[in-house]
Structures are given as structure tokens and as C-alpha cells.
Amino acid sequence: MTFPNDENGSVLAEMQEAGIDLSQPVIVEFFQLFEQQDNANALAQHITNSEMDVKVNVHPDQTPNVWDVDCQIEMIPSYDNIVAMEETFEKLARKFDGYNDGWGVHYA
């Protein structure tokens, strides 16, 4: 399988090379960053109250005065699915003065 020549494509290619079956659902974690804890909590509450099947975790970032909202969702990690979810989380984060800071997966 080939992927577009961008950051998402590179990560998916690395996953494939590591032996991950990209046709099967995995837990994908999307990272949102905020300068205000209240804004981070507001996004987390918004997602929790939504119809999205997402596990949300709010915690301080390693950078002082920055808060992370980590959003885990089980999905098939296709390029199109990843790009669509990044766009969704970027739009949501912007509503609360934050931004999407990428994604990753948990695998052994």
C-alpha cells in the first residue's frame, strides 16, 4: 500500500512496516493543546456530551502553562479517516482557542 508524501502518510507507512494491519481498527489518539485549562476542560466536556465515541483525557503538558486534551477513538487507520478526524478535532479545538497537535497509536 502506498501513501501520500506527507506527515500522515509517513506515519501510516511506518505503521505498515511495523506489521500493523491497517485494515483493522486500532486506538488512534489525537492531541489538542490549550493555553488555558478552562478551555481544555470545555472541549473535553463538549466531546463527552457529544455523540462521538471518544475517550477524553485532560492533563498538563510538559510545557508550562499548556494543557493537553488527548482524544482516543477506535477506527480503521486509513489515510482518509485520519485526515478527516484531524480536521474534525482541529475545528473543535479552535472553538475553544486550542489547536490539534497530531496523532498517534498505541500498539505493542
N, C-alpha and C. Protein backbone atom coordinates (compact mmCIF):
# COMPACT_ATOMS: atom_id res chain seq x y z
N MET A 1 0.85 -1.17 0.00
CA MET A 1 0.00 0.00 0.00
C MET A 1 0.90 1.24 0.00
N THR A 2 0.56 2.22 -0.81
CA THR A 2 1.32 3.47 -0.84
C THR A 2 0.49 4.58 -0.21
N PHE A 3 1.18 5.59 0.28
CA PHE A 3 0.54 6.69 0.98
C PHE A 3 1.03 8.01 0.41
N PRO A 4 0.24 9.08 0.58
CA PRO A 4 0.71 10.40 0.16
C PRO A 4 2.01 10.77 0.86
N ASN A 5 2.78 11.63 0.20
CA ASN A 5 4.08 12.05 0.72
C ASN A 5 3.91 13.24 1.66
N ASP A 6 3.35 12.96 2.85
CA ASP A 6 3.22 13.98 3.88
C ASP A 6 3.39 13.29 5.24
N GLU A 7 3.23 14.06 6.31
CA GLU A 7 3.47 13.51 7.65
C GLU A 7 2.54 12.34 7.96
N ASN A 8 1.25 12.49 7.64
CA ASN A 8 0.31 11.39 7.91
C ASN A 8 0.67 10.15 7.10
N GLY A 9 1.01 10.34 5.85
CA GLY A 9 1.41 9.22 5.01
C GLY A 9 2.65 8.52 5.54
N SER A 10 3.61 9.31 6.03
CA SER A 10 4.84 8.73 6.59
C SER A 10 4.55 7.89 7.83
N VAL A 11 3.68 8.39 8.71
CA VAL A 11 3.35 7.63 9.92
C VAL A 11 2.63 6.34 9.55
N LEU A 12 1.69 6.41 8.62
CA LEU A 12 0.97 5.20 8.20
C LEU A 12 1.92 4.19 7.56
N ALA A 13 2.87 4.66 6.77
CA ALA A 13 3.85 3.76 6.16
C ALA A 13 4.70 3.09 7.24
N GLU A 14 5.09 3.84 8.27
CA GLU A 14 5.86 3.27 9.38
C GLU A 14 5.04 2.22 10.13
N MET A 15 3.76 2.50 10.31
CA MET A 15 2.88 1.54 10.99
C MET A 15 2.79 0.25 10.18
N GLN A 16 2.63 0.40 8.88
CA GLN A 16 2.53 -0.76 8.00
C GLN A 16 3.82 -1.58 8.04
N GLU A 17 4.97 -0.88 8.00
CA GLU A 17 6.27 -1.55 8.07
C GLU A 17 6.47 -2.27 9.40
N ALA A 18 5.84 -1.73 10.46
CA ALA A 18 5.95 -2.35 11.79
C ALA A 18 5.04 -3.57 11.92
N GLY A 19 4.27 -3.85 10.88
CA GLY A 19 3.42 -5.03 10.90
C GLY A 19 1.99 -4.79 11.34
N ILE A 20 1.59 -3.54 11.48
CA ILE A 20 0.21 -3.25 11.87
C ILE A 20 -0.69 -3.43 10.66
N ASP A 21 -1.79 -4.16 10.85
CA ASP A 21 -2.77 -4.37 9.79
C ASP A 21 -3.66 -3.14 9.72
N LEU A 22 -3.44 -2.29 8.74
CA LEU A 22 -4.17 -1.03 8.63
C LEU A 22 -5.61 -1.20 8.17
N SER A 23 -6.02 -2.43 7.90
CA SER A 23 -7.41 -2.68 7.54
C SER A 23 -8.25 -3.02 8.77
N GLN A 24 -7.60 -3.10 9.94
CA GLN A 24 -8.28 -3.44 11.19
C GLN A 24 -8.31 -2.21 12.11
N PRO A 25 -9.38 -2.08 12.91
CA PRO A 25 -9.46 -0.94 13.83
C PRO A 25 -8.33 -0.95 14.86
N VAL A 26 -7.83 0.23 15.18
CA VAL A 26 -6.85 0.43 16.24
C VAL A 26 -7.29 1.65 17.05
N ILE A 27 -6.70 1.84 18.22
CA ILE A 27 -6.96 3.04 19.02
C ILE A 27 -6.04 4.14 18.51
N VAL A 28 -6.64 5.19 17.97
CA VAL A 28 -5.88 6.34 17.49
C VAL A 28 -6.12 7.48 18.48
N GLU A 29 -5.04 8.14 18.88
CA GLU A 29 -5.13 9.23 19.85
C GLU A 29 -4.77 10.54 19.15
N PHE A 30 -5.69 11.49 19.22
CA PHE A 30 -5.49 12.82 18.64
C PHE A 30 -5.23 13.79 19.79
N PHE A 31 -4.23 14.65 19.60
CA PHE A 31 -3.76 15.54 20.66
C PHE A 31 -4.18 16.98 20.37
N GLN A 32 -4.83 17.61 21.37
CA GLN A 32 -5.20 19.03 21.27
C GLN A 32 -4.45 19.78 22.37
N LEU A 33 -3.99 20.98 22.06
CA LEU A 33 -3.25 21.79 23.05
C LEU A 33 -3.97 23.11 23.31
N PHE A 34 -3.89 23.55 24.58
CA PHE A 34 -4.55 24.77 25.02
C PHE A 34 -3.65 25.53 25.99
N GLU A 35 -3.75 26.85 25.97
CA GLU A 35 -3.01 27.67 26.92
C GLU A 35 -3.81 27.90 28.20
N GLN A 36 -5.10 27.63 28.17
CA GLN A 36 -5.96 27.83 29.34
C GLN A 36 -6.61 26.51 29.74
N GLN A 37 -6.47 26.14 31.00
CA GLN A 37 -7.06 24.90 31.48
C GLN A 37 -8.58 24.90 31.30
N ASP A 38 -9.22 26.05 31.54
CA ASP A 38 -10.68 26.12 31.38
C ASP A 38 -11.10 25.78 29.95
N ASN A 39 -10.33 26.23 28.97
CA ASN A 39 -10.66 25.93 27.57
C ASN A 39 -10.48 24.44 27.28
N ALA A 40 -9.41 23.86 27.83
CA ALA A 40 -9.18 22.43 27.65
C ALA A 40 -10.33 21.63 28.26
N ASN A 41 -10.74 22.02 29.46
CA ASN A 41 -11.85 21.33 30.12
C ASN A 41 -13.16 21.52 29.35
N ALA A 42 -13.34 22.70 28.77
CA ALA A 42 -14.56 22.96 28.00
C ALA A 42 -14.63 22.07 26.76
N LEU A 43 -13.51 21.90 26.07
CA LEU A 43 -13.50 21.00 24.92
C LEU A 43 -13.79 19.57 25.37
N ALA A 44 -13.14 19.14 26.43
CA ALA A 44 -13.35 17.77 26.92
C ALA A 44 -14.82 17.55 27.26
N GLN A 45 -15.44 18.51 27.91
CA GLN A 45 -16.86 18.39 28.27
C GLN A 45 -17.73 18.37 27.01
N HIS A 46 -17.39 19.21 26.05
CA HIS A 46 -18.14 19.26 24.78
C HIS A 46 -18.09 17.89 24.09
N ILE A 47 -16.92 17.30 24.01
CA ILE A 47 -16.78 16.00 23.36
C ILE A 47 -17.52 14.92 24.15
N THR A 48 -17.39 14.96 25.47
CA THR A 48 -18.07 13.98 26.32
C THR A 48 -19.59 14.05 26.13
N ASN A 49 -20.12 15.26 25.96
CA ASN A 49 -21.56 15.44 25.79
C ASN A 49 -22.02 15.17 24.36
N SER A 50 -21.09 15.00 23.44
CA SER A 50 -21.45 14.80 22.04
C SER A 50 -21.78 13.34 21.77
N GLU A 51 -22.13 13.08 20.54
CA GLU A 51 -22.44 11.71 20.11
C GLU A 51 -21.17 10.94 19.73
N MET A 52 -20.03 11.59 19.78
CA MET A 52 -18.78 10.94 19.39
C MET A 52 -18.41 9.87 20.42
N ASP A 53 -17.93 8.73 19.94
CA ASP A 53 -17.48 7.66 20.82
C ASP A 53 -15.97 7.83 21.04
N VAL A 54 -15.64 8.77 21.94
CA VAL A 54 -14.26 9.18 22.15
C VAL A 54 -13.95 9.16 23.65
N LYS A 55 -12.80 8.60 24.00
CA LYS A 55 -12.30 8.66 25.37
C LYS A 55 -11.42 9.90 25.47
N VAL A 56 -11.69 10.75 26.47
CA VAL A 56 -11.00 12.04 26.59
C VAL A 56 -10.21 12.09 27.89
N ASN A 57 -8.98 12.61 27.80
CA ASN A 57 -8.12 12.78 28.97
C ASN A 57 -7.51 14.18 28.92
N VAL A 58 -7.73 14.97 29.98
CA VAL A 58 -7.14 16.31 30.09
C VAL A 58 -6.00 16.23 31.10
N HIS A 59 -4.84 16.80 30.74
CA HIS A 59 -3.70 16.78 31.66
C HIS A 59 -2.74 17.91 31.29
N PRO A 60 -1.90 18.32 32.27
CA PRO A 60 -0.90 19.35 31.97
C PRO A 60 0.11 18.82 30.96
N ASP A 61 0.53 19.69 30.06
CA ASP A 61 1.57 19.35 29.09
C ASP A 61 2.93 19.46 29.77
N GLN A 62 3.97 18.97 29.11
CA GLN A 62 5.33 19.13 29.63
C GLN A 62 5.75 20.59 29.59
N THR A 63 5.17 21.34 28.65
CA THR A 63 5.44 22.77 28.55
C THR A 63 4.61 23.48 29.62
N PRO A 64 5.22 24.36 30.41
CA PRO A 64 4.46 25.07 31.44
C PRO A 64 3.29 25.87 30.84
N ASN A 65 2.19 25.90 31.57
CA ASN A 65 1.00 26.67 31.20
C ASN A 65 0.36 26.21 29.90
N VAL A 66 0.53 24.94 29.57
CA VAL A 66 -0.13 24.34 28.41
C VAL A 66 -0.85 23.09 28.88
N TRP A 67 -2.07 22.90 28.36
CA TRP A 67 -2.90 21.76 28.72
C TRP A 67 -3.18 20.90 27.50
N ASP A 68 -3.10 19.59 27.69
CA ASP A 68 -3.39 18.62 26.63
C ASP A 68 -4.79 18.06 26.81
N VAL A 69 -5.48 17.87 25.69
CA VAL A 69 -6.71 17.10 25.65
C VAL A 69 -6.44 15.96 24.67
N ASP A 70 -6.27 14.77 25.20
CA ASP A 70 -5.99 13.59 24.37
C ASP A 70 -7.31 12.88 24.11
N CYS A 71 -7.58 12.64 22.84
CA CYS A 71 -8.85 12.05 22.42
C CYS A 71 -8.59 10.72 21.73
N GLN A 72 -9.03 9.64 22.36
CA GLN A 72 -8.82 8.30 21.81
C GLN A 72 -10.09 7.80 21.14
N ILE A 73 -9.93 7.29 19.93
CA ILE A 73 -11.06 6.75 19.18
C ILE A 73 -10.62 5.49 18.46
N GLU A 74 -11.47 4.48 18.49
CA GLU A 74 -11.16 3.25 17.76
C GLU A 74 -11.63 3.44 16.32
N MET A 75 -10.71 3.22 15.38
CA MET A 75 -11.03 3.44 13.98
C MET A 75 -10.08 2.67 13.08
N ILE A 76 -10.49 2.49 11.84
CA ILE A 76 -9.58 1.93 10.84
C ILE A 76 -8.66 3.07 10.42
N PRO A 77 -7.34 2.89 10.56
CA PRO A 77 -6.40 3.99 10.33
C PRO A 77 -6.06 4.20 8.86
N SER A 78 -7.07 4.45 8.05
CA SER A 78 -6.80 4.79 6.65
C SER A 78 -6.37 6.25 6.58
N TYR A 79 -5.69 6.59 5.51
CA TYR A 79 -5.25 7.97 5.34
C TYR A 79 -6.44 8.92 5.40
N ASP A 80 -7.50 8.60 4.64
CA ASP A 80 -8.67 9.48 4.59
C ASP A 80 -9.34 9.61 5.95
N ASN A 81 -9.43 8.51 6.70
CA ASN A 81 -10.04 8.56 8.03
C ASN A 81 -9.22 9.44 8.97
N ILE A 82 -7.90 9.30 8.93
CA ILE A 82 -7.03 10.10 9.80
C ILE A 82 -7.17 11.58 9.48
N VAL A 83 -7.10 11.93 8.19
CA VAL A 83 -7.20 13.33 7.78
C VAL A 83 -8.56 13.91 8.20
N ALA A 84 -9.63 13.15 8.00
CA ALA A 84 -10.96 13.62 8.37
C ALA A 84 -11.08 13.86 9.87
N MET A 85 -10.54 12.95 10.69
CA MET A 85 -10.62 13.13 12.14
C MET A 85 -9.74 14.29 12.60
N GLU A 86 -8.57 14.45 11.99
CA GLU A 86 -7.73 15.61 12.34
C GLU A 86 -8.47 16.90 12.06
N GLU A 87 -9.14 16.97 10.92
CA GLU A 87 -9.91 18.18 10.58
C GLU A 87 -11.03 18.40 11.59
N THR A 88 -11.71 17.33 11.97
CA THR A 88 -12.79 17.45 12.95
C THR A 88 -12.27 17.97 14.28
N PHE A 89 -11.18 17.38 14.78
CA PHE A 89 -10.63 17.82 16.06
C PHE A 89 -10.04 19.22 15.97
N GLU A 90 -9.46 19.59 14.84
CA GLU A 90 -8.93 20.95 14.67
C GLU A 90 -10.07 21.97 14.78
N LYS A 91 -11.18 21.70 14.11
CA LYS A 91 -12.32 22.62 14.17
C LYS A 91 -12.86 22.72 15.59
N LEU A 92 -12.98 21.58 16.27
CA LEU A 92 -13.46 21.61 17.66
C LEU A 92 -12.50 22.36 18.57
N ALA A 93 -11.21 22.08 18.45
CA ALA A 93 -10.22 22.74 19.31
C ALA A 93 -10.24 24.25 19.10
N ARG A 94 -10.36 24.69 17.85
CA ARG A 94 -10.38 26.13 17.57
C ARG A 94 -11.55 26.82 18.24
N LYS A 95 -12.69 26.13 18.36
CA LYS A 95 -13.86 26.72 19.03
C LYS A 95 -13.54 27.09 20.47
N PHE A 96 -12.54 26.41 21.05
CA PHE A 96 -12.18 26.64 22.44
C PHE A 96 -10.76 27.20 22.57
N ASP A 97 -10.30 27.88 21.52
CA ASP A 97 -8.99 28.55 21.49
C ASP A 97 -7.82 27.58 21.67
N GLY A 98 -7.92 26.42 21.07
CA GLY A 98 -6.82 25.45 21.07
C GLY A 98 -6.51 25.03 19.64
N TYR A 99 -5.66 24.02 19.52
CA TYR A 99 -5.34 23.51 18.19
C TYR A 99 -4.97 22.04 18.26
N ASN A 100 -5.15 21.35 17.14
CA ASN A 100 -4.77 19.95 17.02
C ASN A 100 -3.26 19.86 16.89
N ASP A 101 -2.66 18.91 17.60
CA ASP A 101 -1.21 18.76 17.58
C ASP A 101 -0.78 17.37 17.14
N GLY A 102 -1.56 16.78 16.23
CA GLY A 102 -1.17 15.50 15.66
C GLY A 102 -1.88 14.32 16.28
N TRP A 103 -1.34 13.13 16.00
CA TRP A 103 -1.97 11.89 16.42
C TRP A 103 -0.93 10.79 16.55
N GLY A 104 -1.35 9.71 17.17
CA GLY A 104 -0.51 8.53 17.30
C GLY A 104 -1.37 7.33 17.62
N VAL A 105 -0.76 6.17 17.67
CA VAL A 105 -1.49 4.94 18.01
C VAL A 105 -0.77 4.21 19.13
N HIS A 106 -1.52 3.37 19.82
CA HIS A 106 -0.96 2.52 20.87
C HIS A 106 -0.91 1.11 20.32
N TYR A 107 0.29 0.56 20.23
CA TYR A 107 0.43 -0.83 19.80
C TYR A 107 1.69 -1.42 20.42
N ALA A 108 1.70 -2.75 20.52
CA ALA A 108 2.83 -3.43 21.16
C ALA A 108 3.93 -3.68 20.16
